[in-house]
C-alpha atoms as a PDB file:
ATOM      1  CA  UNK A   1      16.232  74.606  10.466  1.00  0.00           C
ATOM      2  CA  UNK A   2      15.241  71.191   9.173  1.00  0.00           C
ATOM      3  CA  UNK A   3      14.166  68.541  11.671  1.00  0.00           C
ATOM      4  CA  UNK A   4      15.693  65.406  10.129  1.00  0.00           C
ATOM      5  CA  UNK A   5      17.812  64.107   7.265  1.00  0.00           C
ATOM      6  CA  UNK A   6      17.732  60.813   5.383  1.00  0.00           C
ATOM      7  CA  UNK A   7      20.792  58.687   4.716  1.00  0.00           C
ATOM      8  CA  UNK A   8      20.495  59.451   0.995  1.00  0.00           C
ATOM      9  CA  UNK A   9      20.430  63.192   1.659  1.00  0.00           C
ATOM     10  CA  UNK A  10      23.345  62.813   4.045  1.00  0.00           C
ATOM     11  CA  UNK A  11      25.442  61.073   1.394  1.00  0.00           C
ATOM     12  CA  UNK A  12      25.033  64.050  -0.954  1.00  0.00           C
ATOM     13  CA  UNK A  13      26.542  66.543   1.474  1.00  0.00           C
ATOM     14  CA  UNK A  14      30.228  67.557   1.284  1.00  0.00           C
ATOM     15  CA  UNK A  15      32.628  65.712   3.574  1.00  0.00           C
ATOM     16  CA  UNK A  16      34.396  67.864   6.139  1.00  0.00           C
ATOM     17  CA  UNK A  17      36.916  67.345   8.934  1.00  0.00           C
ATOM     18  CA  UNK A  18      38.869  69.368  11.466  1.00  0.00           C
ATOM     19  CA  UNK A  19      41.414  71.632   9.795  1.00  0.00           C
ATOM     20  CA  UNK A  20      42.875  73.380  12.838  1.00  0.00           C
ATOM     21  CA  UNK A  21      45.903  72.502  14.947  1.00  0.00           C
ATOM     22  CA  UNK A  22      45.957  69.051  16.544  1.00  0.00           C
ATOM     23  CA  UNK A  23      47.988  68.605  19.742  1.00  0.00           C
ATOM     24  CA  UNK A  24      48.701  65.033  20.838  1.00  0.00           C
ATOM     25  CA  UNK A  25      49.349  64.885  24.588  1.00  0.00           C
ATOM     26  CA  UNK A  26      51.146  61.672  25.496  1.00  0.00           C
ATOM     27  CA  UNK A  27      53.923  62.867  27.815  1.00  0.00           C
ATOM     28  CA  UNK A  28      53.478  64.627  31.182  1.00  0.00           C
ATOM     29  CA  UNK A  29      55.634  67.531  29.945  1.00  0.00           C
ATOM     30  CA  UNK A  30      53.111  68.197  27.160  1.00  0.00           C
ATOM     31  CA  UNK A  31      50.309  68.909  29.637  1.00  0.00           C
ATOM     32  CA  UNK A  32      50.958  72.420  30.934  1.00  0.00           C
ATOM     33  CA  UNK A  33      50.377  74.399  27.738  1.00  0.00           C
ATOM     34  CA  UNK A  34      47.300  72.354  26.864  1.00  0.00           C
ATOM     35  CA  UNK A  35      45.723  72.764  30.292  1.00  0.00           C
ATOM     36  CA  UNK A  36      46.495  76.486  30.401  1.00  0.00           C
ATOM     37  CA  UNK A  37      44.786  77.012  27.036  1.00  0.00           C
ATOM     38  CA  UNK A  38      41.742  74.882  27.850  1.00  0.00           C
ATOM     39  CA  UNK A  39      41.304  76.418  31.306  1.00  0.00           C
ATOM     40  CA  UNK A  40      40.759  79.799  29.642  1.00  0.00           C
ATOM     41  CA  UNK A  41      37.973  78.557  27.358  1.00  0.00           C
ATOM     42  CA  UNK A  42      34.257  78.838  28.074  1.00  0.00           C
ATOM     43  CA  UNK A  43      33.060  76.292  25.455  1.00  0.00           C
ATOM     44  CA  UNK A  44      34.911  73.152  24.304  1.00  0.00           C
ATOM     45  CA  UNK A  45      33.884  70.054  22.409  1.00  0.00           C
ATOM     46  CA  UNK A  46      34.235  66.758  24.259  1.00  0.00           C
ATOM     47  CA  UNK A  47      34.610  63.119  23.216  1.00  0.00           C
ATOM     48  CA  UNK A  48      36.486  59.925  24.079  1.00  0.00           C
ATOM     49  CA  UNK A  49      37.721  56.898  22.161  1.00  0.00           C
ATOM     50  CA  UNK A  50      38.184  53.353  23.427  1.00  0.00           C
ATOM     51  CA  UNK A  51      39.828  50.373  21.800  1.00  0.00           C
ATOM     52  CA  UNK A  52      37.000  48.329  20.253  1.00  0.00           C
ATOM     53  CA  UNK A  53      36.281  44.895  21.691  1.00  0.00           C
ATOM     54  CA  UNK A  54      35.435  42.086  19.290  1.00  0.00           C
ATOM     55  CA  UNK A  55      34.987  39.293  21.846  1.00  0.00           C
ATOM     56  CA  UNK A  56      31.958  38.854  24.079  1.00  0.00           C
ATOM     57  CA  UNK A  57      32.602  40.213  27.568  1.00  0.00           C
ATOM     58  CA  UNK A  58      35.819  41.949  26.541  1.00  0.00           C
ATOM     59  CA  UNK A  59      36.068  45.554  27.728  1.00  0.00           C
ATOM     60  CA  UNK A  60      38.988  47.938  27.377  1.00  0.00           C
ATOM     61  CA  UNK A  61      39.672  51.079  29.398  1.00  0.00           C
ATOM     62  CA  UNK A  62      39.393  54.486  27.756  1.00  0.00           C
ATOM     63  CA  UNK A  63      42.253  55.281  25.384  1.00  0.00           C
ATOM     64  CA  UNK A  64      41.786  58.882  24.329  1.00  0.00           C
ATOM     65  CA  UNK A  65      40.112  62.056  25.572  1.00  0.00           C
ATOM     66  CA  UNK A  66      39.503  64.779  22.998  1.00  0.00           C
ATOM     67  CA  UNK A  67      38.824  68.407  23.912  1.00  0.00           C
ATOM     68  CA  UNK A  68      38.564  70.981  21.131  1.00  0.00           C
ATOM     69  CA  UNK A  69      37.695  74.552  20.281  1.00  0.00           C
ATOM     70  CA  UNK A  70      36.922  75.781  16.774  1.00  0.00           C
ATOM     71  CA  UNK A  71      40.606  75.832  15.800  1.00  0.00           C
ATOM     72  CA  UNK A  72      42.568  73.870  18.424  1.00  0.00           C
ATOM     73  CA  UNK A  73      42.149  70.176  19.279  1.00  0.00           C
ATOM     74  CA  UNK A  74      43.855  68.420  22.180  1.00  0.00           C
ATOM     75  CA  UNK A  75      44.045  64.631  22.130  1.00  0.00           C
ATOM     76  CA  UNK A  76      45.020  63.270  25.536  1.00  0.00           C
ATOM     77  CA  UNK A  77      46.295  59.705  25.385  1.00  0.00           C
ATOM     78  CA  UNK A  78      44.802  58.475  28.653  1.00  0.00           C
ATOM     79  CA  UNK A  79      46.292  55.020  28.103  1.00  0.00           C
ATOM     80  CA  UNK A  80      49.742  56.616  28.410  1.00  0.00           C
ATOM     81  CA  UNK A  81      49.350  59.517  30.857  1.00  0.00           C
ATOM     82  CA  UNK A  82      46.279  58.565  32.893  1.00  0.00           C
ATOM     83  CA  UNK A  83      43.909  61.328  33.942  1.00  0.00           C
ATOM     84  CA  UNK A  84      46.041  64.066  35.523  1.00  0.00           C
ATOM     85  CA  UNK A  85      44.658  66.399  38.224  1.00  0.00           C
ATOM     86  CA  UNK A  86      44.706  69.431  35.919  1.00  0.00           C
ATOM     87  CA  UNK A  87      42.564  67.600  33.381  1.00  0.00           C
ATOM     88  CA  UNK A  88      40.151  66.420  36.077  1.00  0.00           C
ATOM     89  CA  UNK A  89      39.798  70.049  37.187  1.00  0.00           C
ATOM     90  CA  UNK A  90      38.589  71.003  33.690  1.00  0.00           C
ATOM     91  CA  UNK A  91      36.121  68.093  33.624  1.00  0.00           C
ATOM     92  CA  UNK A  92      34.766  69.184  37.011  1.00  0.00           C
ATOM     93  CA  UNK A  93      34.556  72.911  36.255  1.00  0.00           C
ATOM     94  CA  UNK A  94      31.049  74.392  35.871  1.00  0.00           C
ATOM     95  CA  UNK A  95      32.600  77.444  34.175  1.00  0.00           C
ATOM     96  CA  UNK A  96      33.947  75.447  31.216  1.00  0.00           C
ATOM     97  CA  UNK A  97      31.120  73.996  29.137  1.00  0.00           C
ATOM     98  CA  UNK A  98      31.950  70.567  27.706  1.00  0.00           C
ATOM     99  CA  UNK A  99      29.747  69.754  24.713  1.00  0.00           C
ATOM    100  CA  UNK A 100      29.210  66.282  23.305  1.00  0.00           C
ATOM    101  CA  UNK A 101      26.867  63.538  22.117  1.00  0.00           C
ATOM    102  CA  UNK A 102      26.002  60.495  24.265  1.00  0.00           C
ATOM    103  CA  UNK A 103      28.369  61.816  26.913  1.00  0.00           C
ATOM    104  CA  UNK A 104      27.063  59.772  29.841  1.00  0.00           C
ATOM    105  CA  UNK A 105      29.059  56.690  28.873  1.00  0.00           C
ATOM    106  CA  UNK A 106      32.120  58.823  28.107  1.00  0.00           C
ATOM    107  CA  UNK A 107      32.020  60.297  31.603  1.00  0.00           C
ATOM    108  CA  UNK A 108      31.576  56.873  33.192  1.00  0.00           C
ATOM    109  CA  UNK A 109      34.636  55.376  31.522  1.00  0.00           C
ATOM    110  CA  UNK A 110      36.719  58.394  32.547  1.00  0.00           C
ATOM    111  CA  UNK A 111      35.513  58.004  36.132  1.00  0.00           C
ATOM    112  CA  UNK A 112      36.924  54.484  36.101  1.00  0.00           C
ATOM    113  CA  UNK A 113      40.375  56.018  35.683  1.00  0.00           C
ATOM    114  CA  UNK A 114      39.949  58.709  38.363  1.00  0.00           C
ATOM    115  CA  UNK A 115      36.711  59.361  40.193  1.00  0.00           C
ATOM    116  CA  UNK A 116      35.531  62.952  39.800  1.00  0.00           C
ATOM    117  CA  UNK A 117      32.294  64.919  39.991  1.00  0.00           C
ATOM    118  CA  UNK A 118      31.456  66.056  36.455  1.00  0.00           C
ATOM    119  CA  UNK A 119      30.143  69.573  35.965  1.00  0.00           C
ATOM    120  CA  UNK A 120      29.525  71.867  33.013  1.00  0.00           C
ATOM    121  CA  UNK A 121      28.623  69.087  30.572  1.00  0.00           C
ATOM    122  CA  UNK A 122      25.968  69.681  27.913  1.00  0.00           C
ATOM    123  CA  UNK A 123      24.352  66.778  26.066  1.00  0.00           C
ATOM    124  CA  UNK A 124      23.551  67.801  22.493  1.00  0.00           C
ATOM    125  CA  UNK A 125      21.000  65.022  22.131  1.00  0.00           C
ATOM    126  CA  UNK A 126      18.912  66.704  24.831  1.00  0.00           C
ATOM    127  CA  UNK A 127      19.518  70.253  23.631  1.00  0.00           C
ATOM    128  CA  UNK A 128      18.463  69.694  20.013  1.00  0.00           C
ATOM    129  CA  UNK A 129      15.025  68.479  21.111  1.00  0.00           C
ATOM    130  CA  UNK A 130      14.209  72.120  21.893  1.00  0.00           C
ATOM    131  CA  UNK A 131      14.731  72.842  18.181  1.00  0.00           C
ATOM    132  CA  UNK A 132      12.460  70.003  17.081  1.00  0.00           C
ATOM    133  CA  UNK A 133      15.393  67.996  15.648  1.00  0.00           C
ATOM    134  CA  UNK A 134      14.584  64.302  15.385  1.00  0.00           C
ATOM    135  CA  UNK A 135      18.015  62.815  14.531  1.00  0.00           C
ATOM    136  CA  UNK A 136      20.505  62.460  17.369  1.00  0.00           C
ATOM    137  CA  UNK A 137      23.735  60.948  16.004  1.00  0.00           C
ATOM    138  CA  UNK A 138      26.705  63.300  15.749  1.00  0.00           C
ATOM    139  CA  UNK A 139      26.929  62.511  12.042  1.00  0.00           C
ATOM    140  CA  UNK A 140      23.352  63.598  11.357  1.00  0.00           C
ATOM    141  CA  UNK A 141      23.475  66.555  13.726  1.00  0.00           C
ATOM    142  CA  UNK A 142      26.507  67.941  11.904  1.00  0.00           C
ATOM    143  CA  UNK A 143      24.620  67.526   8.629  1.00  0.00           C
ATOM    144  CA  UNK A 144      21.428  69.188   9.847  1.00  0.00           C
ATOM    145  CA  UNK A 145      23.041  72.044  11.767  1.00  0.00           C
ATOM    146  CA  UNK A 146      26.363  72.650  10.005  1.00  0.00           C
ATOM    147  CA  UNK A 147      25.534  71.437   6.494  1.00  0.00           C
ATOM    148  CA  UNK A 148      28.264  68.823   6.016  1.00  0.00           C
ATOM    149  CA  UNK A 149      28.913  65.180   6.827  1.00  0.00           C
ATOM    150  CA  UNK A 150      31.764  63.709   8.833  1.00  0.00           C
ATOM    151  CA  UNK A 151      33.483  60.368   8.377  1.00  0.00           C
ATOM    152  CA  UNK A 152      33.152  57.647  11.021  1.00  0.00           C
ATOM    153  CA  UNK A 153      35.526  55.230   9.257  1.00  0.00           C
ATOM    154  CA  UNK A 154      38.149  55.273  12.036  1.00  0.00           C
ATOM    155  CA  UNK A 155      35.770  54.526  14.901  1.00  0.00           C
ATOM    156  CA  UNK A 156      36.678  50.836  15.224  1.00  0.00           C
ATOM    157  CA  UNK A 157      40.446  51.217  14.867  1.00  0.00           C
ATOM    158  CA  UNK A 158      42.978  50.466  17.600  1.00  0.00           C
ATOM    159  CA  UNK A 159      43.076  53.531  19.848  1.00  0.00           C
ATOM    160  CA  UNK A 160      45.702  51.876  22.062  1.00  0.00           C
ATOM    161  CA  UNK A 161      48.238  51.663  19.231  1.00  0.00           C
ATOM    162  CA  UNK A 162      51.706  52.897  20.116  1.00  0.00           C
ATOM    163  CA  UNK A 163      51.401  55.587  17.428  1.00  0.00           C
ATOM    164  CA  UNK A 164      48.075  56.903  16.226  1.00  0.00           C
ATOM    165  CA  UNK A 165      47.731  57.347  12.466  1.00  0.00           C
ATOM    166  CA  UNK A 166      46.945  60.689  10.866  1.00  0.00           C
ATOM    167  CA  UNK A 167      43.401  59.538   9.965  1.00  0.00           C
ATOM    168  CA  UNK A 168      42.859  58.595  13.622  1.00  0.00           C
ATOM    169  CA  UNK A 169      44.086  61.989  14.803  1.00  0.00           C
ATOM    170  CA  UNK A 170      41.832  63.827  12.366  1.00  0.00           C
ATOM    171  CA  UNK A 171      38.870  61.641  13.315  1.00  0.00           C
ATOM    172  CA  UNK A 172      39.413  62.206  17.032  1.00  0.00           C
ATOM    173  CA  UNK A 173      39.792  65.947  16.586  1.00  0.00           C
ATOM    174  CA  UNK A 174      36.791  66.179  14.272  1.00  0.00           C
ATOM    175  CA  UNK A 175      34.322  64.604  16.682  1.00  0.00           C
ATOM    176  CA  UNK A 176      35.172  67.037  19.485  1.00  0.00           C
ATOM    177  CA  UNK A 177      35.381  70.063  17.164  1.00  0.00           C
ATOM    178  CA  UNK A 178      32.026  69.339  15.530  1.00  0.00           C
ATOM    179  CA  UNK A 179      30.293  69.150  18.918  1.00  0.00           C
ATOM    180  CA  UNK A 180      31.730  72.533  19.841  1.00  0.00           C
ATOM    181  CA  UNK A 181      30.657  74.179  16.593  1.00  0.00           C
ATOM    182  CA  UNK A 182      27.182  72.615  16.647  1.00  0.00           C
ATOM    183  CA  UNK A 183      26.611  74.152  20.072  1.00  0.00           C
ATOM    184  CA  UNK A 184      27.876  77.557  18.943  1.00  0.00           C
ATOM    185  CA  UNK A 185      25.543  77.446  15.948  1.00  0.00           C
ATOM    186  CA  UNK A 186      22.587  76.549  18.147  1.00  0.00           C
ATOM    187  CA  UNK A 187      23.357  79.526  20.386  1.00  0.00           C
ATOM    188  CA  UNK A 188      22.666  81.894  17.481  1.00  0.00           C
ATOM    189  CA  UNK A 189      19.704  79.929  16.098  1.00  0.00           C
ATOM    190  CA  UNK A 190      16.316  81.000  17.449  1.00  0.00           C
ATOM    191  CA  UNK A 191      14.076  78.290  18.797  1.00  0.00           C
ATOM    192  CA  UNK A 192      10.851  78.190  16.815  1.00  0.00           C
ATOM    193  CA  UNK A 193       7.799  78.443  19.063  1.00  0.00           C
ATOM    194  CA  UNK A 194       5.598  75.391  19.203  1.00  0.00           C
ATOM    195  CA  UNK A 195       2.280  76.153  17.557  1.00  0.00           C
ATOM    196  CA  UNK A 196      -0.548  75.263  19.865  1.00  0.00           C
ATOM    197  CA  UNK A 197      -3.875  74.262  18.346  1.00  0.00           C
ATOM    198  CA  UNK A 198      -6.509  76.934  18.399  1.00  0.00           C
ATOM    199  CA  UNK A 199      -9.247  76.415  20.907  1.00  0.00           C
ATOM    200  CA  UNK A 200     -12.532  76.062  19.062  1.00  0.00           C
ATOM    201  CA  UNK A 201     -15.214  78.475  20.020  1.00  0.00           C
ATOM    202  CA  UNK A 202     -17.900  76.294  21.467  1.00  0.00           C
ATOM    203  CA  UNK A 203     -19.976  78.811  23.321  1.00  0.00           C
ATOM    204  CA  UNK A 204     -23.168  79.883  21.598  1.00  0.00           C
ATOM    205  CA  UNK A 205     -25.211  82.938  22.311  1.00  0.00           C
ATOM    206  CA  UNK A 206     -28.489  82.307  23.997  1.00  0.00           C
END
């Protein structure tokens, strides 16, 4: 596995996005099926989106929580439904691994909605160091590990909009899905041993 990728090399890779089923959860009655499915998973991708602030000192609460498997993505509109107890239970479960990039800030903004003790989270930026990977953005990790690039063009759009656009939905689903699949790929990729320098023979026979 390569250790890094340049921006020029990244631009040459094919563009990919989530092609599975996207579930938008914005009503309390939509929760049960989503929570039942996710509660039975052992590995899910994790991400959040927040309305971007363009004024100094302006901060918005979290808008969206994305949880995804390889073929199902669930986009919870936190700005509309809050952070229900069933969802908190998943975030606090050590049995359900939540995989993401730069997840510390994501967890903090969710804790501002409802305080919970996070468990089962895996930070890809820490994990990939064991493989000698030197790039840590989700965009470059997907390129290095999965062989394609993902678009970040929707990152600064309005995640509090009354209706999310299709590009926003695909973007949100893609970020969580990619984290999940990166982790699964790493699980089957052997870690190359670090070569230690040979100790020079300094002893001489008398």
